Protein backbone atom coordinates (compact mmCIF):
# COMPACT_ATOMS: atom_id res chain seq x y z
CA MET A 1 0.02 -0.21 -0.19
CA ARG A 2 1.19 3.38 -1.05
CA VAL A 3 0.53 6.26 1.25
CA LEU A 4 0.48 9.56 -0.54
CA SER A 5 -0.50 13.21 0.25
CA GLU A 6 -2.83 15.53 -1.95
CA PHE A 7 -4.76 18.67 -1.34
CA ILE A 8 -8.55 18.53 -1.74
CA CYS A 9 -10.76 21.44 -2.20
CA GLN A 10 -13.45 21.77 0.75
CA GLN A 11 -16.22 23.11 -1.42
CA CYS A 12 -15.77 21.43 -4.82
CA GLY A 13 -13.59 18.44 -4.25
CA TYR A 14 -11.12 19.27 -6.60
CA LYS A 15 -7.91 17.53 -5.98
CA SER A 16 -3.96 18.85 -6.57
CA PRO A 17 -0.83 17.26 -5.70
CA GLN A 18 0.43 20.74 -4.45
CA PHE A 19 -0.95 23.30 -2.31
CA LEU A 20 -2.88 26.27 -4.23
CA GLY A 21 -4.06 29.49 -2.69
CA LYS A 22 -7.00 29.66 -4.98
CA CYS A 23 -8.88 26.65 -6.12
CA PRO A 24 -8.89 26.48 -10.08
CA GLU A 25 -12.41 24.81 -10.32
CA CYS A 26 -14.59 26.77 -8.16
CA GLY A 27 -12.37 30.01 -7.50
CA GLU A 28 -12.64 29.73 -3.68
CA TRP A 29 -9.44 30.93 -1.65
CA ASN A 30 -7.91 28.83 1.10
CA SER A 31 -10.35 25.88 0.43
CA LEU A 32 -7.31 23.20 -0.39
CA VAL A 33 -6.73 20.82 2.57
CA GLU A 34 -3.98 18.44 2.88
CA SER A 35 -5.17 14.96 3.15
CA ILE A 36 -3.76 11.46 2.92
CA ASP A 37 -4.47 9.38 -0.07
CA SER A 38 -3.82 5.57 0.61
CA THR A 39 -3.83 3.68 -2.77
CA GLU A 40 -3.84 -0.30 -2.72
CA THR A 41 -1.73 -2.21 -4.89
CA PRO A 42 -2.89 -3.65 -8.04
CA ASN A 43 -2.77 -6.82 -6.56
CA SER A 44 -4.83 -6.34 -3.47
CA LYS A 45 -8.21 -7.48 -3.61
CA PHE A 46 -11.49 -6.16 -1.83
CA GLN A 47 -13.32 -8.57 0.63
CA ALA A 48 -16.48 -7.78 1.76
CA PRO A 49 -16.78 -7.88 5.76
CA ASN A 50 -18.94 -10.52 7.57
CA LEU A 51 -22.28 -8.26 8.65
CA GLY A 52 -22.45 -10.16 11.77
CA GLU A 53 -19.16 -9.05 12.90
CA VAL A 54 -19.39 -5.35 11.93
CA LEU A 55 -22.97 -4.84 12.52
CA ILE A 56 -24.38 -4.26 15.98
CA LYS A 57 -28.16 -3.74 16.95
CA LEU A 58 -28.94 -0.87 18.98
CA SER A 59 -31.35 -2.68 21.02
CA ASP A 60 -28.88 -5.09 22.09
CA VAL A 61 -26.35 -2.07 23.33
CA LYS A 62 -26.22 -2.50 26.93
CA SER A 63 -27.11 0.99 28.93
CA GLN A 64 -24.27 1.96 31.07
CA LYS A 65 -24.09 4.92 33.67
CA PHE A 66 -20.77 6.34 33.01
CA ALA A 67 -19.03 7.79 35.97
CA ARG A 68 -17.86 11.63 36.02
CA ILE A 69 -14.25 12.76 37.13
CA PRO A 70 -14.74 15.94 39.30
CA THR A 71 -12.11 18.71 38.32
CA GLY A 72 -11.94 20.18 41.38
CA PHE A 73 -13.80 23.29 40.32
CA LEU A 74 -17.65 23.24 41.02
CA GLU A 75 -17.85 26.00 38.23
CA PHE A 76 -16.06 23.90 35.66
CA ASP A 77 -17.94 20.78 36.70
CA ARG A 78 -21.38 22.72 36.17
CA VAL A 79 -20.29 23.69 32.55
CA LEU A 80 -19.28 20.22 31.90
CA GLY A 81 -22.75 18.86 33.11
CA GLY A 82 -21.39 17.28 36.14
CA GLY A 83 -17.56 16.47 35.63
CA ILE A 84 -15.35 14.88 32.89
CA VAL A 85 -16.60 12.11 30.90
CA ALA A 86 -13.91 9.16 30.52
CA GLY A 87 -12.97 8.92 26.66
CA SER A 88 -14.40 12.36 26.06
CA ILE A 89 -12.59 15.19 24.17
CA VAL A 90 -13.12 18.72 25.06
CA LEU A 91 -11.91 21.92 23.01
CA ILE A 92 -11.10 25.14 25.04
CA SER A 93 -10.69 28.28 23.12
CA GLY A 94 -10.26 31.99 24.44
CA ASP A 95 -8.03 34.99 23.69
CA PRO A 96 -4.40 35.02 24.50
CA GLY A 97 -3.57 35.55 28.28
CA ILE A 98 -7.48 34.86 29.53
CA GLY A 99 -6.06 31.95 31.45
CA LYS A 100 -6.61 28.95 29.62
CA SER A 101 -3.37 27.35 30.37
CA THR A 102 -3.80 28.39 33.94
CA LEU A 103 -7.21 26.83 34.41
CA LEU A 104 -6.28 23.66 32.87
CA LEU A 105 -2.92 23.27 34.78
CA GLU A 106 -4.87 23.59 38.28
CA THR A 107 -7.48 21.55 37.32
CA ALA A 108 -4.60 18.75 36.55
CA MET A 109 -3.25 19.52 39.67
CA LYS A 110 -6.62 19.15 41.95
CA ILE A 111 -7.17 15.56 39.81
CA VAL A 112 -4.01 14.48 40.72
CA GLU A 113 -4.52 15.42 44.35
CA VAL A 114 -7.96 13.91 44.70
CA SER A 115 -6.75 10.65 42.53
CA ASN A 116 -3.81 10.27 44.97
CA ALA A 117 -6.00 10.20 47.92
CA GLU A 118 -8.76 8.09 46.67
CA ASN A 119 -6.16 5.55 45.50
CA VAL A 120 -4.39 5.34 48.92
CA SER A 121 -7.90 4.69 50.42
CA THR A 122 -8.89 2.22 48.06
CA SER A 123 -5.74 0.21 48.45
CA ARG A 124 -6.05 0.09 52.38
CA ASN A 125 -9.45 -0.81 52.22
CA ALA A 126 -9.20 -3.36 48.95
CA LYS A 127 -7.43 -6.35 51.12
CA GLY A 128 -7.30 -9.64 49.29
CA SER A 129 -8.31 -7.97 45.87
CA LYS A 130 -6.88 -8.83 42.61
CA VAL A 131 -4.75 -5.83 42.34
CA SER A 132 -1.22 -6.81 43.71
CA LYS A 133 0.57 -3.63 42.85
CA VAL A 134 -0.77 0.06 41.99
CA ASP A 135 1.85 1.72 40.23
CA ASP A 136 1.74 5.15 38.49
CA ARG A 137 2.90 3.81 35.15
CA LYS A 138 1.65 -0.05 35.21
CA VAL A 139 -1.33 -1.76 36.98
CA LYS A 140 -1.49 -5.43 37.04
CA THR A 141 -4.92 -6.75 37.24
CA SER A 142 -6.97 -9.67 35.79
CA ASP A 143 -10.11 -7.55 35.54
CA THR A 144 -11.04 -5.28 32.42
CA PHE A 145 -10.25 -1.83 31.51
CA ASP A 146 -13.09 -0.60 33.89
CA THR A 147 -11.42 -1.84 37.06
CA ARG A 148 -7.75 -0.19 35.56
CA ASP A 149 -9.31 2.91 35.08
CA THR A 150 -10.05 2.93 39.04
CA PHE A 151 -6.48 3.03 39.56
CA ARG A 152 -5.42 6.00 37.14
CA THR A 153 -3.67 8.62 39.54
CA SER A 154 -1.43 10.39 36.95
CA VAL A 155 -2.23 13.55 34.29
CA LEU A 156 -0.26 14.19 31.44
CA TYR A 157 0.14 17.70 30.44
CA VAL A 158 1.46 18.11 26.62
CA SER A 159 3.08 21.65 26.47
CA GLY A 160 3.69 22.48 22.83
CA GLU A 161 4.02 26.33 23.56
CA GLU A 162 6.04 26.31 26.91
CA SER A 163 9.30 24.47 28.24
CA ALA A 164 8.95 22.33 31.25
CA GLN A 165 10.53 25.16 33.20
CA GLN A 166 7.92 27.69 32.15
CA VAL A 167 5.11 25.42 33.16
CA LYS A 168 7.11 24.86 36.68
CA ILE A 169 7.07 28.65 37.12
CA ARG A 170 2.95 28.83 36.95
CA ALA A 171 2.44 25.61 38.97
CA ASP A 172 4.77 27.03 41.69
CA ARG A 173 2.53 30.02 41.69
CA ILE A 174 -0.68 28.00 41.90
CA GLY A 175 0.44 25.74 44.64
CA LYS A 176 1.90 22.50 45.91
CA ILE A 177 2.86 20.23 42.81
CA PRO A 178 1.73 16.73 43.11
CA ASN A 179 3.89 13.94 42.25
CA ASN A 180 1.87 12.27 39.27
CA LEU A 181 1.65 15.28 37.27
CA TYR A 182 3.72 14.71 34.12
CA ILE A 183 4.54 17.44 31.69
CA LEU A 184 5.68 16.28 27.98
CA PRO A 185 7.45 19.00 25.84
CA GLU A 186 6.58 17.54 22.45
CA THR A 187 5.02 18.55 19.27
CA ASP A 188 4.68 14.97 17.36
CA VAL A 189 1.23 13.79 17.88
CA ASP A 190 2.22 10.22 17.32
CA VAL A 191 4.89 10.64 20.14
CA VAL A 192 1.93 12.21 22.39
CA VAL A 193 -0.14 9.41 21.77
CA GLY A 194 2.35 6.75 22.42
CA VAL A 195 3.48 8.27 25.78
CA SER A 196 -0.31 8.31 26.83
CA GLU A 197 -0.79 4.56 25.87
CA LYS A 198 1.86 3.45 27.98
CA LEU A 199 1.08 6.10 30.96
CA SER A 200 -2.64 5.44 30.87
CA PRO A 201 -3.33 8.99 32.51
CA LYS A 202 -6.69 9.81 34.27
CA LEU A 203 -6.58 13.08 32.22
CA MET A 204 -4.62 14.38 29.06
CA ILE A 205 -4.14 18.03 28.61
CA ILE A 206 -3.00 19.25 24.85
CA ASP A 207 -1.77 22.92 24.85
CA SER A 208 -2.02 23.78 22.01
CA ILE A 209 -3.60 21.77 19.22
CA GLN A 210 -1.82 24.53 16.81
CA THR A 211 1.54 23.20 17.96
CA LEU A 212 1.05 19.76 17.16
CA PHE A 213 2.00 18.04 13.53
CA SER A 214 1.81 14.76 12.15
CA THR A 215 4.65 13.10 10.00
CA ARG A 216 2.04 11.58 7.67
CA LEU A 217 1.44 15.19 6.14
CA SER A 218 4.12 17.53 4.58
CA GLY A 219 2.30 20.61 6.04
CA SER A 220 3.55 22.51 8.80
CA ALA A 221 2.03 22.74 12.33
CA GLY A 222 -1.14 24.89 12.84
CA SER A 223 -2.12 24.39 8.94
CA VAL A 224 -5.60 23.07 8.32
CA GLY A 225 -4.51 19.68 7.35
CA GLN A 226 -2.38 19.21 10.45
CA LEU A 227 -5.20 20.28 12.67
CA ARG A 228 -7.59 17.80 11.36
CA GLU A 229 -5.45 14.98 10.96
CA CYS A 230 -4.02 15.46 14.70
CA SER A 231 -7.73 15.96 16.06
CA GLN A 232 -8.58 12.64 14.34
CA ILE A 233 -5.87 10.84 16.06
CA LEU A 234 -6.46 12.28 19.49
CA GLN A 235 -10.24 11.45 18.90
CA ARG A 236 -9.35 7.94 18.11
CA HIS A 237 -6.96 7.48 21.18
CA ALA A 238 -9.45 9.03 23.67
CA LYS A 239 -12.37 6.54 22.50
CA ARG A 240 -9.99 3.66 22.21
CA THR A 241 -8.19 3.90 25.44
CA ASN A 242 -11.12 5.57 27.60
CA THR A 243 -8.80 8.62 28.31
CA PRO A 244 -10.31 12.25 28.54
CA VAL A 245 -8.53 14.69 26.60
CA PHE A 246 -8.64 18.54 26.97
CA ILE A 247 -7.54 20.49 23.84
CA VAL A 248 -6.64 24.23 23.62
CA GLY A 249 -7.29 25.97 20.76
CA HIS A 250 -6.37 29.26 19.51
CA VAL A 251 -8.98 31.80 18.32
CA THR A 252 -8.69 34.26 15.21
CA LYS A 253 -9.12 38.05 15.85
CA GLU A 254 -12.84 37.70 15.23
CA GLY A 255 -13.18 35.85 18.30
CA SER A 256 -13.82 32.46 16.70
CA ILE A 257 -12.13 29.01 16.77
CA ALA A 258 -8.84 28.84 14.56
CA GLY A 259 -8.84 26.05 12.22
CA PRO A 260 -11.45 24.12 9.99
CA LYS A 261 -15.13 23.46 11.39
CA VAL A 262 -14.37 19.74 11.39
CA LEU A 263 -12.45 20.57 14.82
CA GLU A 264 -15.25 21.60 16.45
CA HIS A 265 -17.59 18.73 15.17
CA LEU A 266 -14.91 15.85 16.06
CA VAL A 267 -14.86 16.98 19.79
CA ASP A 268 -17.49 16.43 22.42
CA ALA A 269 -17.84 19.66 24.17
CA VAL A 270 -16.76 23.08 23.18
CA LEU A 271 -15.85 25.42 25.80
CA ASN A 272 -15.29 29.27 25.63
CA LEU A 273 -12.99 31.29 28.28
CA GLU A 274 -14.10 35.00 27.83
CA GLY A 275 -13.62 38.08 29.85
CA ASP A 276 -12.06 41.23 29.58
CA GLU A 277 -8.35 42.35 30.14
CA MET A 278 -9.17 44.93 32.37
CA HIS A 279 -11.38 43.21 34.64
CA ALA A 280 -10.11 40.00 36.76
CA PHE A 281 -13.59 37.92 35.97
CA ARG A 282 -13.53 35.23 33.58
CA ILE A 283 -16.57 33.43 32.18
CA LEU A 284 -16.64 30.12 31.22
CA ARG A 285 -19.24 29.25 28.34
CA SER A 286 -20.27 25.75 26.87
CA ASN A 287 -21.17 26.27 23.23
CA LYS A 288 -21.51 22.90 22.46
CA ASN A 289 -21.67 19.81 25.03
CA ARG A 290 -22.81 16.15 24.39
CA PHE A 291 -23.08 15.32 28.15
CA GLY A 292 -24.69 18.41 29.34
CA SER A 293 -26.26 21.71 28.90
CA THR A 294 -24.79 24.26 26.26
CA PHE A 295 -26.32 27.04 28.41
CA GLU A 296 -24.46 26.94 31.72
CA VAL A 297 -21.65 29.08 32.57
CA GLY A 298 -18.82 29.20 35.10
CA VAL A 299 -17.39 32.23 36.88
CA PHE A 300 -13.73 32.61 37.90
CA GLU A 301 -11.54 35.37 39.40
CA MET A 302 -7.93 35.65 38.29
CA GLN A 303 -5.85 36.27 41.15
CA ASP A 304 -2.11 35.91 41.97
CA VAL A 305 -2.59 32.41 42.90
CA GLY A 306 -4.39 31.37 39.75
CA MET A 307 -7.73 30.90 38.93
CA VAL A 308 -10.42 31.08 41.68
CA GLU A 309 -13.87 30.02 41.16
CA VAL A 310 -17.00 32.65 42.31
CA ALA A 311 -19.47 30.64 44.16
CA ASN A 312 -21.92 33.72 44.34
CA PRO A 313 -21.62 35.89 40.91
CA SER A 314 -24.42 37.95 41.59
CA GLN A 315 -22.84 39.41 44.73
CA ILE A 316 -19.48 39.66 43.09
CA PHE A 317 -21.14 41.56 39.97
CA LEU A 318 -23.16 43.90 42.18
CA ALA A 319 -20.56 44.72 45.11
CA GLN A 320 -19.27 47.73 43.54
CA ARG A 321 -22.69 49.25 42.34
CA ILE A 322 -23.76 52.71 43.27
CA ALA A 323 -27.34 52.55 44.57
CA LYS A 324 -29.81 55.47 43.64
CA LYS A 325 -27.72 56.39 40.43
CA ALA A 326 -28.96 57.52 37.22
CA GLY A 327 -28.37 55.04 34.35
CA SER A 328 -27.76 51.99 36.73
CA VAL A 329 -30.41 49.21 36.58
CA VAL A 330 -30.16 45.58 37.98
CA THR A 331 -31.35 42.83 35.88
CA SER A 332 -31.60 38.96 36.38
CA THR A 333 -30.21 36.66 33.60
CA VAL A 334 -30.16 33.00 33.35
CA ALA A 335 -27.25 30.82 32.25
CA GLY A 336 -28.57 27.18 32.07
CA GLY A 337 -30.92 27.00 35.10
CA ARG A 338 -28.77 29.38 36.90
CA PRO A 339 -29.78 32.96 37.56
CA ILE A 340 -27.11 35.73 37.70
CA LEU A 341 -27.81 39.17 38.60
CA ALA A 342 -26.10 41.85 36.89
CA GLU A 343 -25.84 45.90 36.64
CA VAL A 344 -26.89 47.30 33.19
CA GLN A 345 -25.03 50.97 32.94
CA ALA A 346 -26.22 53.57 30.40
CA LEU A 347 -24.65 57.06 29.48
CA ALA A 348 -26.16 59.65 27.58
CA THR A 349 -24.00 62.91 26.63
CA PRO A 350 -24.61 65.34 23.89
CA THR A 351 -23.11 64.24 20.50
CA ILE A 352 -20.23 66.49 19.48
CA PHE A 353 -20.29 65.25 15.55
CA GLY A 354 -23.35 64.93 13.46
CA ILE A 355 -24.17 61.39 13.53
CA PRO A 356 -24.81 60.24 17.40
CA ALA A 357 -22.42 57.24 18.35
CA ARG A 358 -23.91 54.18 19.63
CA ARG A 359 -21.46 51.95 21.90
CA VAL A 360 -22.43 48.49 23.42
CA THR A 361 -20.42 46.41 25.68
CA GLY A 362 -21.71 43.10 27.11
CA LEU A 363 -24.98 43.10 25.09
CA ASP A 364 -26.18 42.33 21.48
CA PHE A 365 -25.34 45.43 19.58
CA SER A 366 -28.07 44.83 16.95
CA ARG A 367 -30.78 44.10 19.85
CA MET A 368 -29.84 47.10 21.61
CA GLN A 369 -30.31 49.52 18.57
CA VAL A 370 -33.90 48.18 18.58
CA VAL A 371 -34.33 48.61 22.04
CA ILE A 372 -33.28 52.47 21.69
CA ALA A 373 -35.69 52.85 19.08
CA ALA A 374 -38.37 51.50 20.97
CA VAL A 375 -37.61 53.51 24.06
CA SER A 376 -37.35 56.74 21.91
CA ARG A 377 -41.05 56.28 20.79
CA ALA A 378 -42.25 54.92 24.12
CA ALA A 379 -40.95 57.46 26.24
CA LYS A 380 -41.21 60.12 23.85
CA LEU A 381 -37.55 61.08 24.06
CA ALA A 382 -35.59 62.63 21.27
CA MET A 383 -32.42 61.00 21.20
CA GLY A 384 -31.18 61.84 17.83
CA ASN A 385 -28.47 64.57 19.31
CA LEU A 386 -27.24 62.14 22.04
CA ASP A 387 -24.49 59.47 22.15
CA ILE A 388 -25.54 56.36 23.98
CA TYR A 389 -23.44 54.07 25.71
CA LEU A 390 -24.68 50.75 27.30
CA ASN A 391 -22.26 48.24 29.40
CA VAL A 392 -22.83 45.40 31.60
CA ALA A 393 -20.51 45.96 34.56
CA GLY A 394 -17.77 43.49 35.61
CA GLY A 395 -17.36 42.30 32.16
CA LEU A 396 -20.20 39.80 31.79
CA LYS A 397 -21.68 39.18 28.59
CA ILE A 398 -25.63 38.78 28.36
CA THR A 399 -26.78 37.06 25.07
CA GLU A 400 -30.65 36.44 26.05
CA PRO A 401 -33.36 39.27 25.40
CA ALA A 402 -34.35 39.20 28.88
CA CYS A 403 -32.19 42.01 29.63
CA ASP A 404 -34.00 44.39 26.87
CA LEU A 405 -36.10 46.13 29.74
CA ALA A 406 -33.12 46.57 32.07
CA ALA A 407 -31.38 48.31 29.14
CA ALA A 408 -34.41 50.27 28.19
CA LEU A 409 -35.04 51.67 31.65
CA ALA A 410 -31.24 52.36 32.08
CA ILE A 411 -31.19 54.54 29.07
CA VAL A 412 -34.45 56.43 30.03
CA SER A 413 -32.82 57.18 33.63
CA ALA A 414 -29.62 58.21 32.01
CA VAL A 415 -31.13 60.70 29.58
CA ASP A 416 -33.64 62.18 32.29
CA GLN A 417 -30.92 62.01 34.71
CA LYS A 418 -33.33 60.52 36.89
CA PRO A 419 -32.53 57.29 38.83
CA VAL A 420 -35.11 54.19 39.12
CA ARG A 421 -36.94 53.16 42.22
CA ASP A 422 -34.85 51.81 44.96
CA GLY A 423 -34.82 47.95 45.06
CA ILE A 424 -35.83 47.31 41.60
CA CYS A 425 -34.91 44.33 39.34
CA ALA A 426 -35.87 44.40 35.90
CA PHE A 427 -36.23 41.73 33.26
CA GLY A 428 -38.29 41.25 30.00
CA GLU A 429 -38.04 41.17 26.21
CA VAL A 430 -38.96 44.28 24.34
CA GLY A 431 -40.82 44.21 21.05
CA LEU A 432 -40.45 46.56 18.03
CA LEU A 433 -44.13 47.95 19.11
CA GLY A 434 -43.02 48.65 22.49
CA GLU A 435 -44.75 45.69 24.20
CA LEU A 436 -43.03 43.75 26.70
CA ARG A 437 -43.02 39.94 26.18
CA SER A 438 -42.49 37.18 28.93
CA VAL A 439 -39.38 35.19 29.56
CA GLY A 440 -38.24 31.90 31.08
CA ASN A 441 -37.50 30.85 34.85
CA VAL A 442 -39.26 33.86 36.17
CA LYS A 443 -39.59 32.30 39.56
CA ASN A 444 -35.70 31.42 39.69
CA ARG A 445 -35.05 35.09 38.46
CA ILE A 446 -37.24 36.44 41.34
CA ALA A 447 -35.95 34.04 44.00
CA GLU A 448 -32.13 35.01 43.40
CA ALA A 449 -33.11 38.63 43.37
CA LYS A 450 -35.14 38.37 46.71
CA ARG A 451 -32.00 36.52 48.14
CA LEU A 452 -29.92 39.61 47.59
CA GLY A 453 -32.36 42.03 49.02
CA PHE A 454 -34.56 43.23 45.77
CA SER A 455 -38.22 43.69 46.65
CA ASP A 456 -39.61 45.14 43.71
CA PHE A 457 -39.68 43.75 40.29
CA VAL A 458 -40.51 45.45 36.95
CA THR A 459 -41.57 42.36 34.45
CA SER A 460 -43.84 41.37 31.68
CA GLU A 461 -45.87 39.96 34.33
CA LYS A 462 -46.88 43.05 35.66
CA PHE A 463 -46.54 45.59 32.97
CA LYS A 464 -47.80 45.09 29.26
CA THR A 465 -45.79 47.95 27.76
CA LEU A 466 -42.63 49.61 27.79
CA GLU A 467 -44.51 52.92 28.57
CA GLU A 468 -46.13 51.41 31.46
CA ALA A 469 -42.94 50.13 32.86
CA VAL A 470 -40.73 53.24 32.46
CA SER A 471 -43.57 55.29 33.86
CA TYR A 472 -43.40 53.07 37.12
CA ALA A 473 -39.52 52.42 37.55
CA LEU A 474 -38.82 56.45 37.27
CA GLY A 475 -41.16 57.52 39.86
CA GLY A 476 -44.90 57.28 38.59
CA THR A 477 -47.70 54.96 39.94
CA ASN A 478 -48.46 51.36 39.00
CA GLU A 479 -51.39 50.97 36.70
CA ALA A 480 -50.92 47.42 36.09
């Protein structure tokens, strides 16, 4: 069998023996991806497989409850759906310097500490068991892989971007380094897989996928072909050995994951670590998760000792809020089943130039344009000569429409220079005609707000139109 390499257009299927910037067939730029072409010798014959050996009836597959591995962070476990699933492959992306490597190194250290403690306890209690010796690299047992999985105590950290000394500096800052945390400064994916098969770690971390390469392809590390090939090799290794794999992925200047979309399709979960460089808070968000909800978020704070999870994000985001200040409104947003209180701020100033500016941070810009237009009509405010600035304090990003009402009230409050009623928490969707539409999880939102001392709620349950809500929140009477 001859193994060749060729470049295939991902749009039209055109094949070329070398890379071309533009596909001659369809005219698409940068669409040719290097792929392995295995050609059988002329004497080889294809033999049809026995159907009984390759086909499996779905009704015959036994249901199994898979055990999850705790990461040591409740916030991380929440985003993953309860912990790490054995044999899963998770892609984590984020801007440079946001804390991806720090979070994963802390997770590795916590997993090793817990595994060592559990292993010692199991060894003391398992007198007369089949296991004669528990070693970090070899486990002698007559049972199946599931039993061997119980005694995994090591974590393999593959560092393609940093040396072992650089990783050691970060680890010393985080805390005490456990014994069974191994660093592999390697970029050859075949070497990485070979080491993992011999070590049999409880978790393998790849930092990052853009630094790995396969000798089967001639392209450089980080190219589209190399990314796809290395990801497929890691996926097969994870499923075959039941080893969970965390992969760090770079992002483009637009904020999307660098590389082909097949990278996101191959993995079981895609997590994104968000945050503002000027703020210490980091938001871990799930964009894809085959083992849990895609709406959960985890909140962390970057400190000198590493990433520290925030158990009560609502209180943190409202800690520096100035009460009874014009342009400030508290809203309740829901991530998965978890309500989080946040402060929506608005600022209105006379425009210097002919066209008024609209700046939005932490909210959807297109949606806020609609809210500004609806507020202008409902509150009868002339904002054509005003610059409007909207912001979610603390660096939190809100994507759901439930924050429309809070943004609208903040805008009116900023324009009129009049604070909203004390103790108000507002949430609801604003329509084009100024109507207020209901949102989900109302009871959970109200319960979280009451826990933090808010007793008055401006919602679509009490008010039908934006005009009524504005009139009440800024000092009128409740006509609902």
